[in-house]
Amino acid sequence: MRKLKMGMVGGGQHAFIGAIHRIAANIDGLIELHCGAFSSNPETSKESGKELFLPESKCYGSYAEMFATESGLPKEQRMDFVTIVTPNFAHFAPAMMALEYGFHVVIDKPMTLSLGEAKQLQQKVKETGLILCLTHTYSGYPMVKQARKMVADNQFGKIRKVMVEYPQGWLSTLSESEGNKQALWRTDPSKSGISGCMGDIGTHAAQLAEYISGLKISKLCADINIVVEGRNLDDDGNVLLKFDNGANGILVASQIASGEENSLKIKIYGEKGGLEWHQMEPNTLLVKWSDAPAQIYRAGNGYLSNIATFNSRTPSGHPEGYLEAFANLYKNFALTLLSKSEGKEPTEEMLDFPNADDGVRGMAFIENVIASGKSDQKWFDFNI
């Protein structure tokens, strides 16, 4: 038994999400940062690695050099998997190369720049038998998993309505013209792809809706907007949804909702009742019944399901938030890898993390939403 060795592509000096990944991967003591190609600039990459106290030999100038060198080392000395934390346009090439060299992959969403790339990556995962984890963070929260389990156990009967909204306000001005690095690449079609807001946060909302409800989006009708003058990609949108069981829904995502922080919310209603969860109050799940008083479920309590408990670390009343939810993805991914390395079958709890199939659905959501938003046609089939 040993810690898994993680390589990293991207996430160097002044990067936001790279640090989040490193913290999350470290929380459960299953993973250690082993090496990295932290920037497309070789010198910046090596300086970033030194700041993270890596040996000089483990600070690579490029991901190609890292994969080639690490793959040539004895198994117990090389990295076990790579985490890719680059902007969208730089996801596909390193992920594909990692798989070709025999390394498992953790990758930020959206998985690729296009649906075609996502399908190629999905096929490569199937061919190699390697594991890909896609970091849809919000599916890692314990109370999200509790909600999913209650729906799966048919406690609410047939699901009829799904309402999910994700308002942010950080792009209420043209901050990409003011030197905001995060805004700059997220609003650049060459780096972000065909969508801004819907690719960045709309995909999170869509994945959460499907994850909790257990349903798949089958049709959609989108109103997509560029609200801030001079912006190149959508910063706001509203999407009507149809699901594969006949349920209907609505998804709202906006990054120009002035004053909002990260206010992701979801409500799901069935024949007998419904549930409500807010990302900014993550330890609480509100459950509503048509024939009984509403209930408040709280994280860390003994009445929760095994899957919620498996993804909790602290007693009730001790908040677990974004970092812990992120860490749950890494923990489950790591436990799956460790089980497979010992010739054991991973448990259902271990396998509970987004994968390449979710990545394909995310890219299909983006492409279908943008196509719908540009068309006068009312409903679009959710084509993959």
Protein backbone atom coordinates (compact mmCIF):
# COMPACT_ATOMS: atom_id res chain seq x y z
CA MET A 1 0.00 0.00 0.00
CA ARG A 2 1.27 3.47 -0.93
CA LYS A 3 -0.04 6.85 -1.88
CA LEU A 4 -0.96 7.37 -5.51
CA LYS A 5 1.43 9.64 -7.38
CA MET A 6 -0.24 12.55 -9.19
CA GLY A 7 1.19 14.49 -12.11
CA MET A 8 -0.33 17.83 -13.09
CA VAL A 9 -0.71 19.66 -16.39
CA GLY A 10 -1.35 23.37 -15.84
CA GLY A 11 -2.09 24.92 -12.46
CA GLY A 12 1.14 26.88 -12.14
CA GLN A 13 1.86 30.34 -10.78
CA HIS A 14 -1.24 32.51 -10.22
CA ALA A 15 -3.62 29.77 -11.43
CA PHE A 16 -6.86 29.44 -9.43
CA ILE A 17 -8.11 25.91 -10.02
CA GLY A 18 -4.73 24.13 -9.84
CA ALA A 19 -4.39 24.97 -6.14
CA ILE A 20 -7.94 23.76 -5.50
CA HIS A 21 -7.12 20.42 -7.12
CA ARG A 22 -3.93 20.01 -5.09
CA ILE A 23 -5.71 20.75 -1.80
CA ALA A 24 -8.60 18.41 -2.65
CA ALA A 25 -6.31 15.59 -3.73
CA ASN A 26 -4.38 15.86 -0.46
CA ILE A 27 -7.30 15.88 2.00
CA ASP A 28 -7.73 12.12 2.44
CA GLY A 29 -4.06 11.19 2.41
CA LEU A 30 -4.40 8.87 -0.59
CA ILE A 31 -2.57 11.03 -3.14
CA GLU A 32 0.67 13.00 -3.32
CA LEU A 33 1.85 15.51 -5.91
CA HIS A 34 4.68 13.76 -7.73
CA CYS A 35 5.50 15.86 -10.79
CA GLY A 36 4.11 18.46 -13.13
CA ALA A 37 4.21 20.47 -16.33
CA PHE A 38 2.57 23.51 -14.79
CA SER A 39 2.68 25.94 -17.70
CA SER A 40 3.10 26.03 -21.47
CA ASN A 41 6.15 28.20 -20.73
CA PRO A 42 8.94 25.77 -19.68
CA GLU A 43 10.62 28.24 -17.32
CA THR A 44 7.34 29.15 -15.61
CA SER A 45 6.53 25.46 -15.32
CA LYS A 46 9.81 24.69 -13.59
CA GLU A 47 9.58 27.72 -11.30
CA SER A 48 6.03 26.69 -10.34
CA GLY A 49 7.22 23.20 -9.48
CA LYS A 50 10.00 24.55 -7.28
CA GLU A 51 7.47 26.70 -5.40
CA LEU A 52 5.56 23.47 -4.70
CA PHE A 53 8.76 21.92 -3.28
CA LEU A 54 9.11 19.34 -6.04
CA PRO A 55 12.58 18.07 -6.96
CA GLU A 56 13.99 19.75 -10.04
CA SER A 57 13.86 16.42 -11.90
CA LYS A 58 10.07 16.35 -11.43
CA CYS A 59 9.46 19.87 -12.78
CA TYR A 60 8.97 19.31 -16.49
CA GLY A 61 9.08 21.83 -19.32
CA SER A 62 6.16 20.23 -21.18
CA TYR A 63 3.54 17.56 -20.66
CA ALA A 64 4.98 15.55 -23.57
CA GLU A 65 8.34 15.44 -21.78
CA MET A 66 6.62 14.46 -18.54
CA PHE A 67 4.64 11.59 -20.06
CA ALA A 68 7.63 10.23 -21.97
CA THR A 69 9.97 10.41 -18.99
CA GLU A 70 7.53 9.12 -16.36
CA SER A 71 6.38 6.20 -18.52
CA GLY A 72 9.99 5.02 -18.75
CA LEU A 73 10.42 4.75 -14.99
CA PRO A 74 9.75 1.60 -12.92
CA LYS A 75 6.08 1.39 -11.93
CA GLU A 76 6.66 2.21 -8.28
CA GLN A 77 8.64 5.33 -9.22
CA ARG A 78 6.41 6.91 -11.88
CA MET A 79 3.19 8.88 -11.62
CA ASP A 80 -0.03 6.87 -11.46
CA PHE A 81 -2.33 9.46 -13.01
CA VAL A 82 -2.37 13.00 -14.32
CA THR A 83 -4.65 15.89 -13.45
CA ILE A 84 -5.33 18.36 -16.28
CA VAL A 85 -6.25 21.87 -15.08
CA THR A 86 -5.73 23.96 -18.20
CA PRO A 87 -8.23 26.15 -20.09
CA ASN A 88 -10.69 24.20 -22.27
CA PHE A 89 -8.66 24.37 -25.49
CA ALA A 90 -5.74 22.58 -23.80
CA HIS A 91 -7.71 19.62 -22.40
CA PHE A 92 -7.87 17.19 -25.30
CA ALA A 93 -4.24 16.84 -26.41
CA PRO A 94 -2.69 16.12 -22.99
CA ALA A 95 -5.60 13.86 -21.98
CA MET A 96 -5.29 11.80 -25.16
CA MET A 97 -1.51 11.59 -24.84
CA ALA A 98 -1.77 10.56 -21.17
CA LEU A 99 -4.10 7.70 -22.07
CA GLU A 100 -1.80 6.64 -24.90
CA TYR A 101 1.09 6.46 -22.42
CA GLY A 102 -1.04 4.38 -20.04
CA PHE A 103 -1.87 7.00 -17.41
CA HIS A 104 -5.27 7.46 -15.79
CA VAL A 105 -6.73 10.99 -16.07
CA VAL A 106 -8.51 13.55 -13.90
CA ILE A 107 -9.71 16.49 -15.98
CA ASP A 108 -11.65 19.71 -15.48
CA LYS A 109 -14.97 20.26 -17.17
CA PRO A 110 -16.00 20.80 -19.87
CA MET A 111 -13.99 17.78 -20.94
CA THR A 112 -12.87 19.15 -24.32
CA LEU A 113 -13.32 22.03 -26.73
CA SER A 114 -15.82 20.18 -28.95
CA LEU A 115 -18.18 17.20 -28.95
CA GLY A 116 -16.03 15.48 -31.57
CA GLU A 117 -12.99 15.64 -29.30
CA ALA A 118 -15.05 14.38 -26.37
CA LYS A 119 -16.16 11.32 -28.34
CA GLN A 120 -12.56 10.56 -29.30
CA LEU A 121 -11.51 10.75 -25.67
CA GLN A 122 -14.43 8.55 -24.61
CA GLN A 123 -13.42 5.97 -27.21
CA LYS A 124 -9.78 6.04 -26.06
CA VAL A 125 -10.88 5.43 -22.46
CA LYS A 126 -12.87 2.40 -23.61
CA GLU A 127 -9.97 1.07 -25.71
CA THR A 128 -7.39 1.41 -22.96
CA GLY A 129 -9.53 0.38 -19.99
CA LEU A 130 -8.07 3.33 -18.09
CA ILE A 131 -10.09 5.56 -15.78
CA LEU A 132 -11.08 9.16 -16.41
CA CYS A 133 -12.60 11.35 -13.70
CA LEU A 134 -14.33 14.59 -14.73
CA THR A 135 -14.46 17.18 -11.96
CA HIS A 136 -18.11 18.17 -11.76
CA THR A 137 -17.55 19.29 -8.18
CA TYR A 138 -21.14 19.76 -7.08
CA SER A 139 -21.96 16.07 -7.45
CA GLY A 140 -19.43 15.48 -4.65
CA TYR A 141 -21.47 17.10 -1.87
CA PRO A 142 -22.89 14.62 0.71
CA MET A 143 -26.38 16.12 0.61
CA VAL A 144 -26.43 15.99 -3.19
CA LYS A 145 -25.70 12.29 -2.89
CA GLN A 146 -28.44 11.97 -0.27
CA ALA A 147 -30.87 13.65 -2.67
CA ARG A 148 -29.87 11.32 -5.50
CA LYS A 149 -30.35 8.26 -3.29
CA MET A 150 -33.82 9.36 -2.17
CA VAL A 151 -34.89 9.89 -5.78
CA ALA A 152 -33.38 6.54 -6.81
CA ASP A 153 -35.25 4.83 -3.95
CA ASN A 154 -38.49 6.19 -5.45
CA GLN A 155 -39.37 8.13 -2.29
CA PHE A 156 -40.90 10.90 -4.41
CA GLY A 157 -42.51 8.69 -7.05
CA LYS A 158 -42.13 9.51 -10.72
CA ILE A 159 -40.16 12.73 -11.23
CA ARG A 160 -42.20 15.42 -12.95
CA LYS A 161 -40.27 18.69 -12.70
CA VAL A 162 -36.62 19.75 -12.45
CA MET A 163 -35.64 23.38 -11.80
CA VAL A 164 -31.97 24.33 -11.62
CA GLU A 165 -30.40 27.77 -11.59
CA TYR A 166 -26.81 28.94 -11.43
CA PRO A 167 -26.49 32.73 -11.14
CA GLN A 168 -23.14 34.50 -10.77
CA GLY A 169 -22.35 38.19 -11.05
CA TRP A 170 -18.62 38.29 -11.64
CA LEU A 171 -18.91 39.07 -15.37
CA SER A 172 -21.42 41.92 -14.97
CA THR A 173 -18.86 44.26 -16.54
CA LEU A 174 -16.43 43.74 -19.42
CA SER A 175 -13.76 42.55 -16.99
CA GLU A 176 -11.88 40.69 -19.74
CA SER A 177 -10.83 44.11 -21.05
CA GLU A 178 -9.59 45.09 -17.58
CA GLY A 179 -6.92 42.40 -17.27
CA ASN A 180 -8.96 39.78 -15.41
CA LYS A 181 -7.09 36.59 -16.37
CA GLN A 182 -9.99 34.23 -15.59
CA ALA A 183 -12.42 36.35 -17.61
CA LEU A 184 -9.96 36.73 -20.46
CA TRP A 185 -9.75 33.06 -21.43
CA ARG A 186 -13.34 32.17 -20.48
CA THR A 187 -14.73 34.76 -22.92
CA ASP A 188 -12.30 33.92 -25.73
CA PRO A 189 -13.79 31.47 -28.28
CA SER A 190 -10.32 30.17 -29.22
CA LYS A 191 -9.71 29.10 -25.62
CA SER A 192 -13.19 28.45 -24.21
CA GLY A 193 -15.02 27.07 -27.26
CA ILE A 194 -18.38 28.02 -28.70
CA SER A 195 -19.92 28.94 -25.33
CA GLY A 196 -19.02 31.07 -22.35
CA CYS A 197 -21.59 30.95 -19.57
CA MET A 198 -23.30 27.73 -20.66
CA GLY A 199 -19.98 25.97 -21.09
CA ASP A 200 -18.56 27.25 -17.82
CA ILE A 201 -21.49 26.89 -15.41
CA GLY A 202 -24.48 25.73 -17.46
CA THR A 203 -22.79 22.35 -17.82
CA HIS A 204 -22.55 22.09 -14.03
CA ALA A 205 -26.28 22.79 -13.72
CA ALA A 206 -27.18 20.25 -16.42
CA GLN A 207 -24.96 17.55 -14.89
CA LEU A 208 -26.43 18.15 -11.42
CA ALA A 209 -29.98 17.93 -12.79
CA GLU A 210 -29.26 14.59 -14.45
CA TYR A 211 -27.19 13.27 -11.53
CA ILE A 212 -29.80 13.84 -8.82
CA SER A 213 -32.88 13.02 -10.90
CA GLY A 214 -31.37 9.94 -12.55
CA LEU A 215 -32.92 11.18 -15.81
CA LYS A 216 -31.39 12.24 -19.12
CA ILE A 217 -32.18 15.43 -21.02
CA SER A 218 -33.87 14.42 -24.27
CA LYS A 219 -34.95 17.79 -25.74
CA LEU A 220 -34.21 21.45 -25.08
CA CYS A 221 -35.22 24.93 -26.15
CA ALA A 222 -32.66 27.65 -25.41
CA ASP A 223 -32.59 31.44 -25.18
CA ILE A 224 -28.90 32.42 -25.16
CA ASN A 225 -27.71 35.99 -24.61
CA ILE A 226 -24.66 38.23 -24.71
CA VAL A 227 -25.71 40.95 -22.28
CA VAL A 228 -22.48 42.90 -21.76
CA GLU A 229 -21.67 44.87 -24.90
CA GLY A 230 -18.37 43.90 -26.53
CA ARG A 231 -18.29 40.34 -25.16
CA ASN A 232 -17.62 37.50 -27.61
CA LEU A 233 -19.43 34.63 -25.89
CA ASP A 234 -22.73 34.14 -24.06
CA ASP A 235 -22.90 35.41 -20.49
CA ASP A 236 -26.55 34.53 -19.78
CA GLY A 237 -29.16 31.98 -20.82
CA ASN A 238 -32.44 30.20 -20.13
CA VAL A 239 -33.15 26.65 -21.26
CA LEU A 240 -36.42 24.70 -21.27
CA LEU A 241 -35.79 20.98 -20.81
CA LYS A 242 -37.54 17.69 -21.54
CA PHE A 243 -36.31 14.51 -19.87
CA ASP A 244 -36.42 10.92 -21.03
CA ASN A 245 -39.27 9.97 -18.63
CA GLY A 246 -41.50 12.82 -19.86
CA ALA A 247 -40.61 15.23 -17.04
CA ASN A 248 -40.04 18.87 -17.92
CA GLY A 249 -37.63 21.39 -16.47
CA ILE A 250 -35.90 24.72 -16.69
CA LEU A 251 -32.22 25.61 -16.43
CA VAL A 252 -31.06 29.18 -15.87
CA ALA A 253 -27.38 30.13 -15.94
CA SER A 254 -26.07 33.67 -15.79
CA GLN A 255 -22.77 35.37 -15.06
CA ILE A 256 -24.21 38.88 -15.22
CA ALA A 257 -26.57 38.51 -12.22
CA SER A 258 -25.06 41.46 -10.36
CA GLY A 259 -24.49 40.83 -6.67
CA GLU A 260 -24.68 37.03 -6.92
CA GLU A 261 -21.70 34.93 -5.88
CA ASN A 262 -22.01 31.21 -6.65
CA SER A 263 -25.70 30.66 -6.06
CA LEU A 264 -26.33 27.22 -7.57
CA LYS A 265 -29.76 25.85 -6.55
CA ILE A 266 -31.81 22.84 -7.60
CA LYS A 267 -35.40 21.76 -6.96
CA ILE A 268 -36.83 18.41 -8.05
CA TYR A 269 -40.51 17.42 -7.74
CA GLY A 270 -42.16 14.01 -8.04
CA GLU A 271 -45.66 12.64 -7.55
CA LYS A 272 -45.36 12.48 -3.73
CA GLY A 273 -43.05 15.37 -2.90
CA GLY A 274 -39.81 17.09 -3.76
CA LEU A 275 -36.44 18.34 -2.59
CA GLU A 276 -34.38 21.50 -2.64
CA TRP A 277 -30.61 22.03 -2.28
CA HIS A 278 -28.51 25.23 -2.33
CA GLN A 279 -24.76 25.13 -2.96
CA MET A 280 -24.14 28.09 -0.64
CA GLU A 281 -25.89 26.20 2.19
CA PRO A 282 -24.54 22.76 1.26
CA ASN A 283 -25.07 20.87 4.53
CA THR A 284 -28.86 21.25 4.28
CA LEU A 285 -31.32 19.32 2.13
CA LEU A 286 -34.94 20.46 2.28
CA VAL A 287 -37.46 17.68 1.64
CA LYS A 288 -41.13 18.52 1.01
CA TRP A 289 -44.12 16.17 1.09
CA SER A 290 -47.61 16.58 -0.32
CA ASP A 291 -49.19 14.91 2.72
CA ALA A 292 -46.77 15.66 5.58
CA PRO A 293 -44.70 18.53 7.02
CA ALA A 294 -41.47 19.48 5.31
CA GLN A 295 -38.24 17.98 6.65
CA ILE A 296 -34.73 19.38 6.98
CA TYR A 297 -31.96 16.83 6.43
CA ARG A 298 -28.51 17.80 7.68
CA ALA A 299 -25.09 16.43 6.78
CA GLY A 300 -23.21 14.27 9.26
CA ASN A 301 -26.23 12.62 10.88
CA GLY A 302 -26.87 8.92 11.36
CA TYR A 303 -30.17 8.94 9.50
CA LEU A 304 -28.50 9.61 6.15
CA SER A 305 -27.87 7.02 3.45
CA ASN A 306 -24.66 5.01 3.18
CA ILE A 307 -23.62 6.96 0.08
CA ALA A 308 -23.97 10.32 1.87
CA THR A 309 -22.09 9.00 4.91
CA PHE A 310 -19.32 7.56 2.72
CA ASN A 311 -18.71 11.07 1.40
CA SER A 312 -18.73 12.84 4.78
CA ARG A 313 -15.78 13.46 7.09
CA THR A 314 -17.03 15.41 10.12
CA PRO A 315 -19.84 15.14 12.71
CA SER A 316 -23.05 17.08 12.22
CA GLY A 317 -22.73 20.82 12.64
CA HIS A 318 -19.18 20.96 11.26
CA PRO A 319 -19.54 22.44 7.76
CA GLU A 320 -18.13 20.59 4.77
CA GLY A 321 -17.98 22.65 1.62
CA TYR A 322 -16.47 23.08 -1.82
CA LEU A 323 -13.01 21.71 -1.04
CA GLU A 324 -14.43 18.62 0.62
CA ALA A 325 -16.85 18.01 -2.26
CA PHE A 326 -13.92 18.32 -4.65
CA ALA A 327 -11.94 15.94 -2.43
CA ASN A 328 -14.75 13.35 -2.64
CA LEU A 329 -14.19 13.07 -6.38
CA TYR A 330 -10.48 12.48 -5.80
CA LYS A 331 -11.11 10.05 -2.95
CA ASN A 332 -13.53 7.91 -4.92
CA PHE A 333 -11.29 8.00 -7.99
CA ALA A 334 -8.25 7.03 -5.88
CA LEU A 335 -10.07 4.21 -4.10
CA THR A 336 -11.20 2.87 -7.46
CA LEU A 337 -7.62 2.90 -8.78
CA LEU A 338 -6.28 1.27 -5.61
CA SER A 339 -8.97 -1.44 -5.70
CA LYS A 340 -8.26 -2.26 -9.32
CA SER A 341 -4.50 -2.35 -8.67
CA GLU A 342 -5.15 -5.00 -6.01
CA GLY A 343 -7.36 -7.03 -8.34
CA LYS A 344 -10.52 -6.12 -6.43
CA GLU A 345 -13.81 -4.86 -7.77
CA PRO A 346 -14.50 -1.24 -6.68
CA THR A 347 -17.69 -0.71 -4.70
CA GLU A 348 -20.63 1.34 -5.92
CA GLU A 349 -19.56 4.13 -3.56
CA MET A 350 -16.03 4.19 -4.98
CA LEU A 351 -17.26 4.37 -8.57
CA ASP A 352 -19.47 7.37 -7.81
CA PHE A 353 -17.63 10.09 -9.76
CA PRO A 354 -18.29 11.70 -13.17
CA ASN A 355 -16.53 10.02 -16.09
CA ALA A 356 -15.93 10.28 -19.84
CA ASP A 357 -19.58 9.52 -20.59
CA ASP A 358 -20.59 12.55 -18.52
CA GLY A 359 -17.98 14.54 -20.43
CA VAL A 360 -19.60 13.64 -23.74
CA ARG A 361 -23.04 14.62 -22.43
CA GLY A 362 -21.61 17.92 -21.21
CA MET A 363 -20.22 18.77 -24.63
CA ALA A 364 -23.46 17.67 -26.28
CA PHE A 365 -25.34 20.00 -23.92
CA ILE A 366 -23.14 22.92 -24.97
CA GLU A 367 -23.45 22.27 -28.69
CA ASN A 368 -27.21 21.63 -28.57
CA VAL A 369 -27.87 24.69 -26.40
CA ILE A 370 -25.90 27.00 -28.69
CA ALA A 371 -27.54 25.53 -31.81
CA SER A 372 -30.97 26.00 -30.25
CA GLY A 373 -30.15 29.53 -29.14
CA LYS A 374 -29.24 30.49 -32.71
CA SER A 375 -32.35 28.92 -34.22
CA ASP A 376 -36.01 29.90 -34.43
CA GLN A 377 -36.94 26.24 -34.03
CA LYS A 378 -38.71 25.68 -30.70
CA TRP A 379 -37.40 22.26 -29.63
CA PHE A 380 -34.11 20.56 -30.41
CA ASP A 381 -33.49 16.85 -29.86
CA PHE A 382 -30.57 16.29 -27.49
CA ASN A 383 -28.23 14.84 -30.08
CA ILE A 384 -24.95 13.14 -29.20
